[in-house]
Amino acid sequence: MKKLLVLLISITLLTACGDKKIDASTPEKYQESLAEVVKDLNFSEAQSFTAALSKINMQAATEANYDNKKMEEIMKQKLDGKTVSEVIKLAEQIN
């Protein structure tokens, strides 16, 4: 029984240690999660992440024909649940 309890606690702790993800479910949670994700990055990582967000934002603006409401929805679809590395990879795929 003790072994099972230790195993369950270990799994829970390891799961909690994963990369932080962007929560785009609401504008407020989006801003909060971005701040949370960025605070653990070093300067170089933060620059790469910011550049990736800008690139994705520009693509979303173009796709939405600069309609803010559509652009927000596109950004939500593209970023919700993504980690920093996933956001950077997504931006690298943009021509």
PDB file of N, CA and C in Angstrom:
ATOM      1  N   MET A   1       0.814  -1.188   0.000  1.00  0.00           N
ATOM      2  CA  MET A   1       0.000   0.000   0.000  1.00  0.00           C
ATOM      3  C   MET A   1       0.865   1.263   0.000  1.00  0.00           C
ATOM      4  N   LYS A   2       1.930   1.247   0.816  1.00  0.00           N
ATOM      5  CA  LYS A   2       2.822   2.407   0.864  1.00  0.00           C
ATOM      6  C   LYS A   2       3.504   2.627  -0.480  1.00  0.00           C
ATOM      7  N   LYS A   3       3.879   1.523  -1.135  1.00  0.00           N
ATOM      8  CA  LYS A   3       4.549   1.638  -2.434  1.00  0.00           C
ATOM      9  C   LYS A   3       3.619   2.281  -3.455  1.00  0.00           C
ATOM     10  N   LEU A   4       2.356   1.907  -3.418  1.00  0.00           N
ATOM     11  CA  LEU A   4       1.383   2.473  -4.339  1.00  0.00           C
ATOM     12  C   LEU A   4       1.209   3.969  -4.082  1.00  0.00           C
ATOM     13  N   LEU A   5       1.132   4.353  -2.833  1.00  0.00           N
ATOM     14  CA  LEU A   5       0.992   5.754  -2.463  1.00  0.00           C
ATOM     15  C   LEU A   5       2.209   6.561  -2.928  1.00  0.00           C
ATOM     16  N   VAL A   6       3.401   6.031  -2.704  1.00  0.00           N
ATOM     17  CA  VAL A   6       4.627   6.703  -3.143  1.00  0.00           C
ATOM     18  C   VAL A   6       4.643   6.838  -4.668  1.00  0.00           C
ATOM     19  N   LEU A   7       4.240   5.791  -5.353  1.00  0.00           N
ATOM     20  CA  LEU A   7       4.192   5.821  -6.817  1.00  0.00           C
ATOM     21  C   LEU A   7       3.216   6.888  -7.318  1.00  0.00           C
ATOM     22  N   LEU A   8       2.043   6.952  -6.729  1.00  0.00           N
ATOM     23  CA  LEU A   8       1.044   7.940  -7.133  1.00  0.00           C
ATOM     24  C   LEU A   8       1.518   9.369  -6.873  1.00  0.00           C
ATOM     25  N   ILE A   9       2.141   9.588  -5.737  1.00  0.00           N
ATOM     26  CA  ILE A   9       2.666  10.919  -5.423  1.00  0.00           C
ATOM     27  C   ILE A   9       3.780  11.280  -6.394  1.00  0.00           C
ATOM     28  N   SER A  10       4.653  10.351  -6.723  1.00  0.00           N
ATOM     29  CA  SER A  10       5.746  10.600  -7.658  1.00  0.00           C
ATOM     30  C   SER A  10       5.219  10.961  -9.036  1.00  0.00           C
ATOM     31  N   ILE A  11       4.234  10.222  -9.496  1.00  0.00           N
ATOM     32  CA  ILE A  11       3.648  10.502 -10.814  1.00  0.00           C
ATOM     33  C   ILE A  11       3.013  11.889 -10.836  1.00  0.00           C
ATOM     34  N   THR A  12       2.312  12.234  -9.768  1.00  0.00           N
ATOM     35  CA  THR A  12       1.680  13.547  -9.676  1.00  0.00           C
ATOM     36  C   THR A  12       2.721  14.662  -9.711  1.00  0.00           C
ATOM     37  N   LEU A  13       3.792  14.500  -8.974  1.00  0.00           N
ATOM     38  CA  LEU A  13       4.842  15.515  -8.949  1.00  0.00           C
ATOM     39  C   LEU A  13       5.532  15.643 -10.294  1.00  0.00           C
ATOM     40  N   LEU A  14       5.804  14.537 -10.948  1.00  0.00           N
ATOM     41  CA  LEU A  14       6.448  14.581 -12.258  1.00  0.00           C
ATOM     42  C   LEU A  14       5.544  15.224 -13.300  1.00  0.00           C
ATOM     43  N   THR A  15       4.273  14.953 -13.234  1.00  0.00           N
ATOM     44  CA  THR A  15       3.328  15.557 -14.157  1.00  0.00           C
ATOM     45  C   THR A  15       3.275  17.060 -13.952  1.00  0.00           C
ATOM     46  N   ALA A  16       3.323  17.500 -12.729  1.00  0.00           N
ATOM     47  CA  ALA A  16       3.263  18.928 -12.426  1.00  0.00           C
ATOM     48  C   ALA A  16       4.527  19.658 -12.857  1.00  0.00           C
ATOM     49  N   CYS A  17       5.618  18.947 -13.065  1.00  0.00           N
ATOM     50  CA  CYS A  17       6.885  19.565 -13.429  1.00  0.00           C
ATOM     51  C   CYS A  17       7.028  19.783 -14.941  1.00  0.00           C
ATOM     52  N   GLY A  18       6.037  19.452 -15.715  1.00  0.00           N
ATOM     53  CA  GLY A  18       6.105  19.593 -17.157  1.00  0.00           C
ATOM     54  C   GLY A  18       6.176  21.052 -17.578  1.00  0.00           C
ATOM     55  N   ASP A  19       6.425  21.251 -18.858  1.00  0.00           N
ATOM     56  CA  ASP A  19       6.477  22.608 -19.396  1.00  0.00           C
ATOM     57  C   ASP A  19       5.138  23.300 -19.211  1.00  0.00           C
ATOM     58  N   LYS A  20       5.206  24.580 -18.898  1.00  0.00           N
ATOM     59  CA  LYS A  20       3.989  25.366 -18.738  1.00  0.00           C
ATOM     60  C   LYS A  20       3.374  25.601 -20.104  1.00  0.00           C
ATOM     61  N   LYS A  21       2.048  25.655 -20.134  1.00  0.00           N
ATOM     62  CA  LYS A  21       1.326  25.816 -21.390  1.00  0.00           C
ATOM     63  C   LYS A  21       0.495  27.088 -21.376  1.00  0.00           C
ATOM     64  N   ILE A  22       0.241  27.579 -22.561  1.00  0.00           N
ATOM     65  CA  ILE A  22      -0.579  28.769 -22.726  1.00  0.00           C
ATOM     66  C   ILE A  22      -2.048  28.383 -22.590  1.00  0.00           C
ATOM     67  N   ASP A  23      -2.764  29.153 -21.796  1.00  0.00           N
ATOM     68  CA  ASP A  23      -4.199  28.961 -21.628  1.00  0.00           C
ATOM     69  C   ASP A  23      -4.894  30.136 -22.302  1.00  0.00           C
ATOM     70  N   ALA A  24      -5.483  29.884 -23.467  1.00  0.00           N
ATOM     71  CA  ALA A  24      -6.147  30.946 -24.216  1.00  0.00           C
ATOM     72  C   ALA A  24      -7.667  30.864 -24.101  1.00  0.00           C
ATOM     73  N   SER A  25      -8.157  30.245 -23.040  1.00  0.00           N
ATOM     74  CA  SER A  25      -9.601  30.071 -22.887  1.00  0.00           C
ATOM     75  C   SER A  25     -10.332  31.400 -22.698  1.00  0.00           C
ATOM     76  N   THR A  26      -9.672  32.360 -22.059  1.00  0.00           N
ATOM     77  CA  THR A  26     -10.216  33.718 -21.926  1.00  0.00           C
ATOM     78  C   THR A  26      -9.065  34.700 -22.120  1.00  0.00           C
ATOM     79  N   PRO A  27      -9.360  35.942 -22.489  1.00  0.00           N
ATOM     80  CA  PRO A  27      -8.277  36.926 -22.634  1.00  0.00           C
ATOM     81  C   PRO A  27      -7.460  37.100 -21.352  1.00  0.00           C
ATOM     82  N   GLU A  28      -8.131  37.037 -20.206  1.00  0.00           N
ATOM     83  CA  GLU A  28      -7.429  37.202 -18.932  1.00  0.00           C
ATOM     84  C   GLU A  28      -6.479  36.033 -18.672  1.00  0.00           C
ATOM     85  N   LYS A  29      -6.976  34.815 -18.888  1.00  0.00           N
ATOM     86  CA  LYS A  29      -6.132  33.642 -18.675  1.00  0.00           C
ATOM     87  C   LYS A  29      -4.988  33.604 -19.679  1.00  0.00           C
ATOM     88  N   TYR A  30      -5.236  34.084 -20.868  1.00  0.00           N
ATOM     89  CA  TYR A  30      -4.188  34.151 -21.893  1.00  0.00           C
ATOM     90  C   TYR A  30      -3.043  35.041 -21.406  1.00  0.00           C
ATOM     91  N   GLN A  31      -3.381  36.237 -20.931  1.00  0.00           N
ATOM     92  CA  GLN A  31      -2.358  37.161 -20.437  1.00  0.00           C
ATOM     93  C   GLN A  31      -1.629  36.592 -19.221  1.00  0.00           C
ATOM     94  N   GLU A  32      -2.377  35.990 -18.302  1.00  0.00           N
ATOM     95  CA  GLU A  32      -1.773  35.403 -17.105  1.00  0.00           C
ATOM     96  C   GLU A  32      -0.828  34.258 -17.468  1.00  0.00           C
ATOM     97  N   SER A  33      -1.271  33.402 -18.376  1.00  0.00           N
ATOM     98  CA  SER A  33      -0.435  32.249 -18.729  1.00  0.00           C
ATOM     99  C   SER A  33       0.805  32.685 -19.500  1.00  0.00           C
ATOM    100  N   LEU A  34       0.683  33.721 -20.343  1.00  0.00           N
ATOM    101  CA  LEU A  34       1.871  34.237 -21.032  1.00  0.00           C
ATOM    102  C   LEU A  34       2.891  34.752 -20.016  1.00  0.00           C
ATOM    103  N   ALA A  35       2.415  35.503 -19.035  1.00  0.00           N
ATOM    104  CA  ALA A  35       3.318  36.024 -18.001  1.00  0.00           C
ATOM    105  C   ALA A  35       3.970  34.882 -17.229  1.00  0.00           C
ATOM    106  N   GLU A  36       3.195  33.855 -16.941  1.00  0.00           N
ATOM    107  CA  GLU A  36       3.715  32.699 -16.197  1.00  0.00           C
ATOM    108  C   GLU A  36       4.755  31.939 -17.016  1.00  0.00           C
ATOM    109  N   VAL A  37       4.496  31.785 -18.301  1.00  0.00           N
ATOM    110  CA  VAL A  37       5.412  31.058 -19.185  1.00  0.00           C
ATOM    111  C   VAL A  37       6.721  31.831 -19.336  1.00  0.00           C
ATOM    112  N   VAL A  38       6.631  33.123 -19.518  1.00  0.00           N
ATOM    113  CA  VAL A  38       7.810  33.950 -19.796  1.00  0.00           C
ATOM    114  C   VAL A  38       8.704  34.115 -18.573  1.00  0.00           C
ATOM    115  N   LYS A  39       8.130  34.096 -17.382  1.00  0.00           N
ATOM    116  CA  LYS A  39       8.934  34.404 -16.188  1.00  0.00           C
ATOM    117  C   LYS A  39      10.061  33.400 -15.940  1.00  0.00           C
ATOM    118  N   ASP A  40       9.935  32.185 -16.455  1.00  0.00           N
ATOM    119  CA  ASP A  40      10.970  31.176 -16.234  1.00  0.00           C
ATOM    120  C   ASP A  40      11.983  31.087 -17.375  1.00  0.00           C
ATOM    121  N   LEU A  41      11.837  31.950 -18.380  1.00  0.00           N
ATOM    122  CA  LEU A  41      12.740  31.895 -19.532  1.00  0.00           C
ATOM    123  C   LEU A  41      13.959  32.782 -19.313  1.00  0.00           C
ATOM    124  N   ASN A  42      15.094  32.349 -19.871  1.00  0.00           N
ATOM    125  CA  ASN A  42      16.256  33.233 -19.850  1.00  0.00           C
ATOM    126  C   ASN A  42      16.081  34.266 -20.960  1.00  0.00           C
ATOM    127  N   PHE A  43      16.981  35.213 -21.043  1.00  0.00           N
ATOM    128  CA  PHE A  43      16.837  36.328 -21.989  1.00  0.00           C
ATOM    129  C   PHE A  43      16.717  35.844 -23.433  1.00  0.00           C
ATOM    130  N   SER A  44      17.563  34.930 -23.827  1.00  0.00           N
ATOM    131  CA  SER A  44      17.566  34.422 -25.195  1.00  0.00           C
ATOM    132  C   SER A  44      16.265  33.683 -25.530  1.00  0.00           C
ATOM    133  N   GLU A  45      15.817  32.858 -24.593  1.00  0.00           N
ATOM    134  CA  GLU A  45      14.559  32.123 -24.801  1.00  0.00           C
ATOM    135  C   GLU A  45      13.381  33.088 -24.889  1.00  0.00           C
ATOM    136  N   ALA A  46      13.389  34.102 -24.039  1.00  0.00           N
ATOM    137  CA  ALA A  46      12.313  35.094 -24.044  1.00  0.00           C
ATOM    138  C   ALA A  46      12.280  35.849 -25.373  1.00  0.00           C
ATOM    139  N   GLN A  47      13.460  36.167 -25.903  1.00  0.00           N
ATOM    140  CA  GLN A  47      13.522  36.844 -27.200  1.00  0.00           C
ATOM    141  C   GLN A  47      12.968  35.955 -28.308  1.00  0.00           C
ATOM    142  N   SER A  48      13.347  34.693 -28.314  1.00  0.00           N
ATOM    143  CA  SER A  48      12.861  33.748 -29.323  1.00  0.00           C
ATOM    144  C   SER A  48      11.350  33.579 -29.221  1.00  0.00           C
ATOM    145  N   PHE A  49      10.856  33.476 -28.008  1.00  0.00           N
ATOM    146  CA  PHE A  49       9.424  33.305 -27.788  1.00  0.00           C
ATOM    147  C   PHE A  49       8.652  34.547 -28.248  1.00  0.00           C
ATOM    148  N   THR A  50       9.147  35.723 -27.896  1.00  0.00           N
ATOM    149  CA  THR A  50       8.500  36.972 -28.284  1.00  0.00           C
ATOM    150  C   THR A  50       8.489  37.131 -29.799  1.00  0.00           C
ATOM    151  N   ALA A  51       9.597  36.806 -30.438  1.00  0.00           N
ATOM    152  CA  ALA A  51       9.667  36.884 -31.899  1.00  0.00           C
ATOM    153  C   ALA A  51       8.688  35.899 -32.540  1.00  0.00           C
ATOM    154  N   ALA A  52       8.576  34.704 -31.958  1.00  0.00           N
ATOM    155  CA  ALA A  52       7.639  33.697 -32.471  1.00  0.00           C
ATOM    156  C   ALA A  52       6.207  34.184 -32.328  1.00  0.00           C
ATOM    157  N   LEU A  53       5.865  34.758 -31.178  1.00  0.00           N
ATOM    158  CA  LEU A  53       4.513  35.284 -30.977  1.00  0.00           C
ATOM    159  C   LEU A  53       4.203  36.394 -31.982  1.00  0.00           C
ATOM    160  N   SER A  54       5.177  37.253 -32.233  1.00  0.00           N
ATOM    161  CA  SER A  54       4.975  38.340 -33.200  1.00  0.00           C
ATOM    162  C   SER A  54       4.720  37.795 -34.596  1.00  0.00           C
ATOM    163  N   LYS A  55       5.486  36.798 -34.982  1.00  0.00           N
ATOM    164  CA  LYS A  55       5.332  36.195 -36.309  1.00  0.00           C
ATOM    165  C   LYS A  55       3.959  35.533 -36.455  1.00  0.00           C
ATOM    166  N   ILE A  56       3.556  34.804 -35.423  1.00  0.00           N
ATOM    167  CA  ILE A  56       2.249  34.147 -35.437  1.00  0.00           C
ATOM    168  C   ILE A  56       1.136  35.187 -35.434  1.00  0.00           C
ATOM    169  N   ASN A  57       1.322  36.251 -34.679  1.00  0.00           N
ATOM    170  CA  ASN A  57       0.339  37.333 -34.614  1.00  0.00           C
ATOM    171  C   ASN A  57       0.170  38.009 -35.979  1.00  0.00           C
ATOM    172  N   MET A  58       1.269  38.241 -36.658  1.00  0.00           N
ATOM    173  CA  MET A  58       1.195  38.856 -37.993  1.00  0.00           C
ATOM    174  C   MET A  58       0.473  37.947 -38.978  1.00  0.00           C
ATOM    175  N   GLN A  59       0.757  36.660 -38.907  1.00  0.00           N
ATOM    176  CA  GLN A  59       0.073  35.722 -39.792  1.00  0.00           C
ATOM    177  C   GLN A  59      -1.427  35.692 -39.478  1.00  0.00           C
ATOM    178  N   ALA A  60      -1.769  35.704 -38.202  1.00  0.00           N
ATOM    179  CA  ALA A  60      -3.172  35.696 -37.801  1.00  0.00           C
ATOM    180  C   ALA A  60      -3.882  36.966 -38.271  1.00  0.00           C
ATOM    181  N   ALA A  61      -3.200  38.100 -38.181  1.00  0.00           N
ATOM    182  CA  ALA A  61      -3.786  39.365 -38.632  1.00  0.00           C
ATOM    183  C   ALA A  61      -4.068  39.323 -40.135  1.00  0.00           C
ATOM    184  N   THR A  62      -3.143  38.769 -40.883  1.00  0.00           N
ATOM    185  CA  THR A  62      -3.319  38.647 -42.327  1.00  0.00           C
ATOM    186  C   THR A  62      -4.467  37.694 -42.647  1.00  0.00           C
ATOM    187  N   GLU A  63      -4.496  36.543 -41.981  1.00  0.00           N
ATOM    188  CA  GLU A  63      -5.571  35.570 -42.195  1.00  0.00           C
ATOM    189  C   GLU A  63      -6.931  36.164 -41.860  1.00  0.00           C
ATOM    190  N   ALA A  64      -6.996  36.996 -40.837  1.00  0.00           N
ATOM    191  CA  ALA A  64      -8.253  37.581 -40.378  1.00  0.00           C
ATOM    192  C   ALA A  64      -8.592  38.867 -41.116  1.00  0.00           C
ATOM    193  N   ASN A  65      -7.765  39.222 -42.088  1.00  0.00           N
ATOM    194  CA  ASN A  65      -7.951  40.470 -42.826  1.00  0.00           C
ATOM    195  C   ASN A  65      -8.027  41.663 -41.863  1.00  0.00           C
ATOM    196  N   TYR A  66      -7.199  41.597 -40.841  1.00  0.00           N
ATOM    197  CA  TYR A  66      -7.043  42.628 -39.815  1.00  0.00           C
ATOM    198  C   TYR A  66      -8.307  42.892 -39.012  1.00  0.00           C
ATOM    199  N   ASP A  67      -9.192  41.906 -38.939  1.00  0.00           N
ATOM    200  CA  ASP A  67     -10.380  41.965 -38.088  1.00  0.00           C
ATOM    201  C   ASP A  67      -9.968  41.455 -36.707  1.00  0.00           C
ATOM    202  N   ASN A  68     -10.013  42.338 -35.712  1.00  0.00           N
ATOM    203  CA  ASN A  68      -9.515  41.988 -34.371  1.00  0.00           C
ATOM    204  C   ASN A  68     -10.209  40.779 -33.768  1.00  0.00           C
ATOM    205  N   LYS A  69     -11.510  40.677 -33.930  1.00  0.00           N
ATOM    206  CA  LYS A  69     -12.258  39.560 -33.357  1.00  0.00           C
ATOM    207  C   LYS A  69     -11.810  38.239 -33.983  1.00  0.00           C
ATOM    208  N   LYS A  70     -11.694  38.217 -35.309  1.00  0.00           N
ATOM    209  CA  LYS A  70     -11.248  37.009 -36.009  1.00  0.00           C
ATOM    210  C   LYS A  70      -9.802  36.690 -35.644  1.00  0.00           C
ATOM    211  N   MET A  71      -8.997  37.721 -35.528  1.00  0.00           N
ATOM    212  CA  MET A  71      -7.587  37.532 -35.192  1.00  0.00           C
ATOM    213  C   MET A  71      -7.438  36.890 -33.811  1.00  0.00           C
ATOM    214  N   GLU A  72      -8.223  37.348 -32.849  1.00  0.00           N
ATOM    215  CA  GLU A  72      -8.176  36.761 -31.506  1.00  0.00           C
ATOM    216  C   GLU A  72      -8.542  35.277 -31.542  1.00  0.00           C
ATOM    217  N   GLU A  73      -9.544  34.944 -32.341  1.00  0.00           N
ATOM    218  CA  GLU A  73      -9.969  33.548 -32.449  1.00  0.00           C
ATOM    219  C   GLU A  73      -8.878  32.692 -33.095  1.00  0.00           C
ATOM    220  N   ILE A  74      -8.235  33.210 -34.113  1.00  0.00           N
ATOM    221  CA  ILE A  74      -7.150  32.482 -34.769  1.00  0.00           C
ATOM    222  C   ILE A  74      -5.983  32.272 -33.810  1.00  0.00           C
ATOM    223  N   MET A  75      -5.624  33.313 -33.071  1.00  0.00           N
ATOM    224  CA  MET A  75      -4.532  33.200 -32.098  1.00  0.00           C
ATOM    225  C   MET A  75      -4.884  32.179 -31.026  1.00  0.00           C
ATOM    226  N   LYS A  76      -6.131  32.185 -30.590  1.00  0.00           N
ATOM    227  CA  LYS A  76      -6.578  31.227 -29.580  1.00  0.00           C
ATOM    228  C   LYS A  76      -6.421  29.803 -30.097  1.00  0.00           C
ATOM    229  N   GLN A  77      -6.848  29.570 -31.330  1.00  0.00           N
ATOM    230  CA  GLN A  77      -6.748  28.240 -31.924  1.00  0.00           C
ATOM    231  C   GLN A  77      -5.297  27.804 -32.073  1.00  0.00           C
ATOM    232  N   LYS A  78      -4.433  28.734 -32.447  1.00  0.00           N
ATOM    233  CA  LYS A  78      -3.036  28.395 -32.704  1.00  0.00           C
ATOM    234  C   LYS A  78      -2.229  28.180 -31.425  1.00  0.00           C
ATOM    235  N   LEU A  79      -2.555  28.926 -30.357  1.00  0.00           N
ATOM    236  CA  LEU A  79      -1.685  28.939 -29.176  1.00  0.00           C
ATOM    237  C   LEU A  79      -2.213  28.181 -27.963  1.00  0.00           C
ATOM    238  N   ASP A  80      -3.507  27.957 -27.872  1.00  0.00           N
ATOM    239  CA  ASP A  80      -4.065  27.335 -26.679  1.00  0.00           C
ATOM    240  C   ASP A  80      -3.464  25.949 -26.448  1.00  0.00           C
ATOM    241  N   GLY A  81      -2.917  25.752 -25.259  1.00  0.00           N
ATOM    242  CA  GLY A  81      -2.344  24.463 -24.880  1.00  0.00           C
ATOM    243  C   GLY A  81      -0.915  24.242 -25.350  1.00  0.00           C
ATOM    244  N   LYS A  82      -0.319  25.236 -25.978  1.00  0.00           N
ATOM    245  CA  LYS A  82       1.045  25.091 -26.498  1.00  0.00           C
ATOM    246  C   LYS A  82       2.074  25.501 -25.452  1.00  0.00           C
ATOM    247  N   THR A  83       3.234  24.858 -25.525  1.00  0.00           N
ATOM    248  CA  THR A  83       4.383  25.225 -24.693  1.00  0.00           C
ATOM    249  C   THR A  83       5.228  26.237 -25.461  1.00  0.00           C
ATOM    250  N   VAL A  84       6.234  26.781 -24.809  1.00  0.00           N
ATOM    251  CA  VAL A  84       7.136  27.730 -25.461  1.00  0.00           C
ATOM    252  C   VAL A  84       7.784  27.100 -26.687  1.00  0.00           C
ATOM    253  N   SER A  85       8.300  25.892 -26.539  1.00  0.00           N
ATOM    254  CA  SER A  85       8.979  25.256 -27.669  1.00  0.00           C
ATOM    255  C   SER A  85       8.004  24.967 -28.812  1.00  0.00           C
ATOM    256  N   GLU A  86       6.767  24.628 -28.491  1.00  0.00           N
ATOM    257  CA  GLU A  86       5.770  24.388 -29.537  1.00  0.00           C
ATOM    258  C   GLU A  86       5.421  25.673 -30.276  1.00  0.00           C
ATOM    259  N   VAL A  87       5.373  26.794 -29.564  1.00  0.00           N
ATOM    260  CA  VAL A  87       5.086  28.085 -30.185  1.00  0.00           C
ATOM    261  C   VAL A  87       6.231  28.465 -31.128  1.00  0.00           C
ATOM    262  N   ILE A  88       7.453  28.253 -30.685  1.00  0.00           N
ATOM    263  CA  ILE A  88       8.613  28.569 -31.526  1.00  0.00           C
ATOM    264  C   ILE A  88       8.622  27.702 -32.769  1.00  0.00           C
ATOM    265  N   LYS A  89       8.335  26.416 -32.625  1.00  0.00           N
ATOM    266  CA  LYS A  89       8.269  25.513 -33.779  1.00  0.00           C
ATOM    267  C   LYS A  89       7.168  25.927 -34.735  1.00  0.00           C
ATOM    268  N   LEU A  90       6.041  26.341 -34.203  1.00  0.00           N
ATOM    269  CA  LEU A  90       4.930  26.801 -35.039  1.00  0.00           C
ATOM    270  C   LEU A  90       5.343  28.013 -35.872  1.00  0.00           C
ATOM    271  N   ALA A  91       6.037  28.930 -35.235  1.00  0.00           N
ATOM    272  CA  ALA A  91       6.491  30.135 -35.947  1.00  0.00           C
ATOM    273  C   ALA A  91       7.522  29.798 -37.014  1.00  0.00           C
ATOM    274  N   GLU A  92       8.354  28.809 -36.754  1.00  0.00           N
ATOM    275  CA  GLU A  92       9.369  28.399 -37.741  1.00  0.00           C
ATOM    276  C   GLU A  92       8.731  27.839 -39.008  1.00  0.00           C
ATOM    277  N   GLN A  93       7.502  27.341 -38.908  1.00  0.00           N
ATOM    278  CA  GLN A  93       6.814  26.776 -40.061  1.00  0.00           C
ATOM    279  C   GLN A  93       6.169  27.843 -40.947  1.00  0.00           C
ATOM    280  N   ILE A  94       6.122  29.076 -40.467  1.00  0.00           N
ATOM    281  CA  ILE A  94       5.534  30.174 -41.233  1.00  0.00           C
ATOM    282  C   ILE A  94       6.575  30.687 -42.226  1.00  0.00           C
ATOM    283  N   ASN A  95       6.159  30.857 -43.454  1.00  0.00           N
ATOM    284  CA  ASN A  95       7.087  31.352 -44.507  1.00  0.00           C
ATOM    285  C   ASN A  95       7.334  32.819 -44.356  1.00  0.00           C
TER     286      ASN A  95
END
